[in-house]
Amino acid sequence: MTGKIVDGMIQAFQLLFSLDPEIYTIVFRSLYVSGLAIAMAVLWSIPIAAVLGLRNFRGKRFIRGSFNAFIGFPTVVLGLILF
């Protein structure tokens, strides 16, 4: 089993260093999508966090508790709920 893992790692590095344009297109698209997801999450999460952290209002404990509960969900479950 260890031999298969090592062989896979060697093949992965060979693909990366082969300078194949298709591989680099896939890598850069993945980085682009991940970066876009981070930027979109930051746009709405920082203002919400600022309001929750700096203001006192009715229901604040419930909202904070709900957000903390969602942290415990696996991301697949959250994706299905949001879908």
N, C-alpha and C. Protein backbone atom coordinates (compact mmCIF):
# COMPACT_ATOMS: atom_id res chain seq x y z
N MET A 1 0.83 -1.19 0.00
CA MET A 1 0.00 0.00 0.00
C MET A 1 0.87 1.25 0.00
N THR A 2 1.95 1.23 0.74
CA THR A 2 2.83 2.39 0.79
C THR A 2 3.45 2.65 -0.57
N GLY A 3 3.73 1.59 -1.32
CA GLY A 3 4.29 1.73 -2.66
C GLY A 3 3.34 2.47 -3.60
N LYS A 4 2.04 2.21 -3.47
CA LYS A 4 1.05 2.89 -4.32
C LYS A 4 0.99 4.38 -3.99
N ILE A 5 1.10 4.70 -2.72
CA ILE A 5 1.08 6.11 -2.31
C ILE A 5 2.30 6.83 -2.85
N VAL A 6 3.46 6.19 -2.73
CA VAL A 6 4.70 6.80 -3.23
C VAL A 6 4.63 6.95 -4.75
N ASP A 7 4.12 5.92 -5.45
CA ASP A 7 3.98 6.01 -6.90
C ASP A 7 3.04 7.14 -7.29
N GLY A 8 1.96 7.30 -6.55
CA GLY A 8 1.03 8.39 -6.83
C GLY A 8 1.65 9.76 -6.61
N MET A 9 2.45 9.88 -5.57
CA MET A 9 3.14 11.15 -5.30
C MET A 9 4.14 11.46 -6.42
N ILE A 10 4.86 10.45 -6.87
CA ILE A 10 5.82 10.65 -7.95
C ILE A 10 5.10 11.09 -9.22
N GLN A 11 3.99 10.45 -9.54
CA GLN A 11 3.21 10.83 -10.73
C GLN A 11 2.67 12.26 -10.59
N ALA A 12 2.25 12.63 -9.40
CA ALA A 12 1.73 13.99 -9.19
C ALA A 12 2.81 15.02 -9.44
N PHE A 13 4.01 14.79 -8.92
CA PHE A 13 5.10 15.74 -9.15
C PHE A 13 5.52 15.75 -10.62
N GLN A 14 5.49 14.61 -11.28
CA GLN A 14 5.81 14.58 -12.70
C GLN A 14 4.81 15.41 -13.50
N LEU A 15 3.53 15.33 -13.15
CA LEU A 15 2.52 16.14 -13.83
C LEU A 15 2.75 17.63 -13.58
N LEU A 16 3.07 17.98 -12.35
CA LEU A 16 3.29 19.40 -12.03
C LEU A 16 4.50 19.97 -12.75
N PHE A 17 5.55 19.19 -12.83
CA PHE A 17 6.78 19.69 -13.44
C PHE A 17 6.85 19.46 -14.95
N SER A 18 5.81 18.84 -15.53
CA SER A 18 5.80 18.61 -16.97
C SER A 18 5.42 19.87 -17.75
N LEU A 19 4.96 20.90 -17.04
CA LEU A 19 4.54 22.17 -17.64
C LEU A 19 3.41 21.99 -18.65
N ASP A 20 2.55 21.01 -18.39
CA ASP A 20 1.39 20.77 -19.24
C ASP A 20 0.38 21.90 -19.03
N PRO A 21 -0.01 22.61 -20.09
CA PRO A 21 -0.94 23.74 -19.92
C PRO A 21 -2.30 23.32 -19.34
N GLU A 22 -2.74 22.12 -19.64
CA GLU A 22 -4.03 21.66 -19.13
C GLU A 22 -3.99 21.53 -17.60
N ILE A 23 -2.90 21.02 -17.08
CA ILE A 23 -2.76 20.87 -15.62
C ILE A 23 -2.78 22.24 -14.96
N TYR A 24 -2.03 23.19 -15.53
CA TYR A 24 -1.97 24.52 -14.93
C TYR A 24 -3.30 25.26 -15.06
N THR A 25 -4.05 25.00 -16.13
CA THR A 25 -5.39 25.58 -16.25
C THR A 25 -6.29 25.07 -15.13
N ILE A 26 -6.21 23.79 -14.85
CA ILE A 26 -7.02 23.20 -13.78
C ILE A 26 -6.61 23.76 -12.42
N VAL A 27 -5.31 23.87 -12.18
CA VAL A 27 -4.83 24.38 -10.89
C VAL A 27 -5.26 25.83 -10.70
N PHE A 28 -5.07 26.66 -11.72
CA PHE A 28 -5.42 28.08 -11.58
C PHE A 28 -6.94 28.28 -11.47
N ARG A 29 -7.72 27.45 -12.15
CA ARG A 29 -9.18 27.55 -12.01
C ARG A 29 -9.60 27.19 -10.59
N SER A 30 -8.98 26.17 -10.03
CA SER A 30 -9.28 25.78 -8.66
C SER A 30 -8.92 26.90 -7.69
N LEU A 31 -7.75 27.50 -7.87
CA LEU A 31 -7.36 28.62 -7.00
C LEU A 31 -8.30 29.82 -7.19
N TYR A 32 -8.74 30.07 -8.41
CA TYR A 32 -9.65 31.18 -8.68
C TYR A 32 -10.99 30.97 -7.97
N VAL A 33 -11.54 29.77 -8.10
CA VAL A 33 -12.84 29.48 -7.48
C VAL A 33 -12.72 29.55 -5.96
N SER A 34 -11.64 29.02 -5.40
CA SER A 34 -11.45 29.07 -3.95
C SER A 34 -11.29 30.51 -3.47
N GLY A 35 -10.52 31.29 -4.19
CA GLY A 35 -10.33 32.70 -3.82
C GLY A 35 -11.62 33.49 -3.92
N LEU A 36 -12.42 33.21 -4.96
CA LEU A 36 -13.70 33.89 -5.11
C LEU A 36 -14.66 33.52 -3.97
N ALA A 37 -14.65 32.26 -3.57
CA ALA A 37 -15.50 31.83 -2.45
C ALA A 37 -15.08 32.51 -1.15
N ILE A 38 -13.78 32.66 -0.94
CA ILE A 38 -13.30 33.34 0.26
C ILE A 38 -13.71 34.81 0.24
N ALA A 39 -13.56 35.47 -0.92
CA ALA A 39 -13.93 36.88 -1.02
C ALA A 39 -15.42 37.08 -0.78
N MET A 40 -16.24 36.20 -1.33
CA MET A 40 -17.69 36.32 -1.13
C MET A 40 -18.06 36.10 0.33
N ALA A 41 -17.41 35.13 0.99
CA ALA A 41 -17.69 34.87 2.40
C ALA A 41 -17.28 36.05 3.27
N VAL A 42 -16.16 36.66 2.94
CA VAL A 42 -15.67 37.80 3.73
C VAL A 42 -16.61 38.99 3.60
N LEU A 43 -17.18 39.18 2.41
CA LEU A 43 -18.05 40.33 2.17
C LEU A 43 -19.27 40.35 3.10
N TRP A 44 -19.80 39.19 3.42
CA TRP A 44 -20.98 39.21 4.28
C TRP A 44 -20.66 38.80 5.72
N SER A 45 -19.58 38.05 5.94
CA SER A 45 -19.34 37.58 7.31
C SER A 45 -18.70 38.63 8.21
N ILE A 46 -17.84 39.47 7.70
CA ILE A 46 -17.21 40.49 8.55
C ILE A 46 -18.23 41.50 9.07
N PRO A 47 -19.14 42.02 8.23
CA PRO A 47 -20.16 42.92 8.81
C PRO A 47 -21.05 42.24 9.86
N ILE A 48 -21.43 40.99 9.60
CA ILE A 48 -22.25 40.28 10.59
C ILE A 48 -21.48 40.09 11.89
N ALA A 49 -20.21 39.71 11.78
CA ALA A 49 -19.39 39.52 12.98
C ALA A 49 -19.20 40.83 13.74
N ALA A 50 -19.06 41.94 13.00
CA ALA A 50 -18.90 43.24 13.67
C ALA A 50 -20.16 43.61 14.43
N VAL A 51 -21.31 43.40 13.83
CA VAL A 51 -22.57 43.71 14.52
C VAL A 51 -22.74 42.82 15.75
N LEU A 52 -22.47 41.53 15.59
CA LEU A 52 -22.62 40.62 16.73
C LEU A 52 -21.62 40.92 17.83
N GLY A 53 -20.45 41.38 17.48
CA GLY A 53 -19.43 41.63 18.48
C GLY A 53 -19.54 42.98 19.16
N LEU A 54 -20.08 43.98 18.45
CA LEU A 54 -20.04 45.34 18.98
C LEU A 54 -21.39 45.86 19.48
N ARG A 55 -22.46 45.24 19.09
CA ARG A 55 -23.80 45.74 19.46
C ARG A 55 -24.48 44.79 20.44
N ASN A 56 -25.32 45.35 21.26
CA ASN A 56 -26.18 44.55 22.14
C ASN A 56 -27.61 44.71 21.63
N PHE A 57 -28.27 43.60 21.39
CA PHE A 57 -29.65 43.63 20.91
C PHE A 57 -30.36 42.37 21.36
N ARG A 58 -31.66 42.42 21.26
CA ARG A 58 -32.48 41.29 21.68
C ARG A 58 -32.29 40.14 20.69
N GLY A 59 -32.06 38.94 21.20
CA GLY A 59 -31.86 37.76 20.37
C GLY A 59 -30.42 37.49 20.01
N LYS A 60 -29.51 38.27 20.54
CA LYS A 60 -28.10 38.11 20.21
C LYS A 60 -27.59 36.73 20.63
N ARG A 61 -27.96 36.27 21.81
CA ARG A 61 -27.50 34.97 22.28
C ARG A 61 -28.02 33.85 21.39
N PHE A 62 -29.26 33.97 20.93
CA PHE A 62 -29.83 32.95 20.05
C PHE A 62 -29.08 32.90 18.72
N ILE A 63 -28.79 34.06 18.14
CA ILE A 63 -28.09 34.11 16.86
C ILE A 63 -26.68 33.56 17.00
N ARG A 64 -25.98 33.96 18.06
CA ARG A 64 -24.63 33.43 18.28
C ARG A 64 -24.67 31.92 18.50
N GLY A 65 -25.64 31.46 19.24
CA GLY A 65 -25.78 30.01 19.45
C GLY A 65 -26.07 29.27 18.17
N SER A 66 -26.89 29.86 17.30
CA SER A 66 -27.19 29.24 16.00
C SER A 66 -25.94 29.15 15.15
N PHE A 67 -25.18 30.24 15.08
CA PHE A 67 -23.94 30.22 14.30
C PHE A 67 -22.97 29.18 14.84
N ASN A 68 -22.86 29.09 16.16
CA ASN A 68 -21.97 28.09 16.76
C ASN A 68 -22.45 26.67 16.48
N ALA A 69 -23.76 26.47 16.43
CA ALA A 69 -24.29 25.14 16.12
C ALA A 69 -23.96 24.76 14.68
N PHE A 70 -24.03 25.73 13.76
CA PHE A 70 -23.72 25.42 12.36
C PHE A 70 -22.26 25.06 12.16
N ILE A 71 -21.38 25.50 13.04
CA ILE A 71 -19.97 25.14 12.93
C ILE A 71 -19.80 23.62 13.10
N GLY A 72 -20.66 23.01 13.89
CA GLY A 72 -20.56 21.58 14.14
C GLY A 72 -21.07 20.71 13.01
N PHE A 73 -21.82 21.27 12.06
CA PHE A 73 -22.32 20.49 10.94
C PHE A 73 -21.22 20.22 9.93
N PRO A 74 -21.19 19.03 9.36
CA PRO A 74 -20.26 18.80 8.26
C PRO A 74 -20.65 19.68 7.06
N THR A 75 -19.69 20.04 6.26
CA THR A 75 -19.97 20.95 5.14
C THR A 75 -20.92 20.32 4.12
N VAL A 76 -20.91 19.00 3.99
CA VAL A 76 -21.83 18.35 3.06
C VAL A 76 -23.28 18.55 3.52
N VAL A 77 -23.50 18.44 4.81
CA VAL A 77 -24.86 18.62 5.34
C VAL A 77 -25.30 20.07 5.14
N LEU A 78 -24.42 21.03 5.39
CA LEU A 78 -24.77 22.43 5.17
C LEU A 78 -25.09 22.69 3.70
N GLY A 79 -24.32 22.09 2.80
CA GLY A 79 -24.58 22.25 1.38
C GLY A 79 -25.94 21.71 1.00
N LEU A 80 -26.32 20.57 1.56
CA LEU A 80 -27.64 20.00 1.27
C LEU A 80 -28.75 20.86 1.84
N ILE A 81 -28.54 21.42 3.03
CA ILE A 81 -29.56 22.29 3.63
C ILE A 81 -29.73 23.55 2.79
N LEU A 82 -28.63 24.15 2.38
CA LEU A 82 -28.70 25.38 1.58
C LEU A 82 -29.22 25.13 0.18
N PHE A 83 -29.00 23.93 -0.35
CA PHE A 83 -29.48 23.60 -1.68
C PHE A 83 -30.99 23.50 -1.69
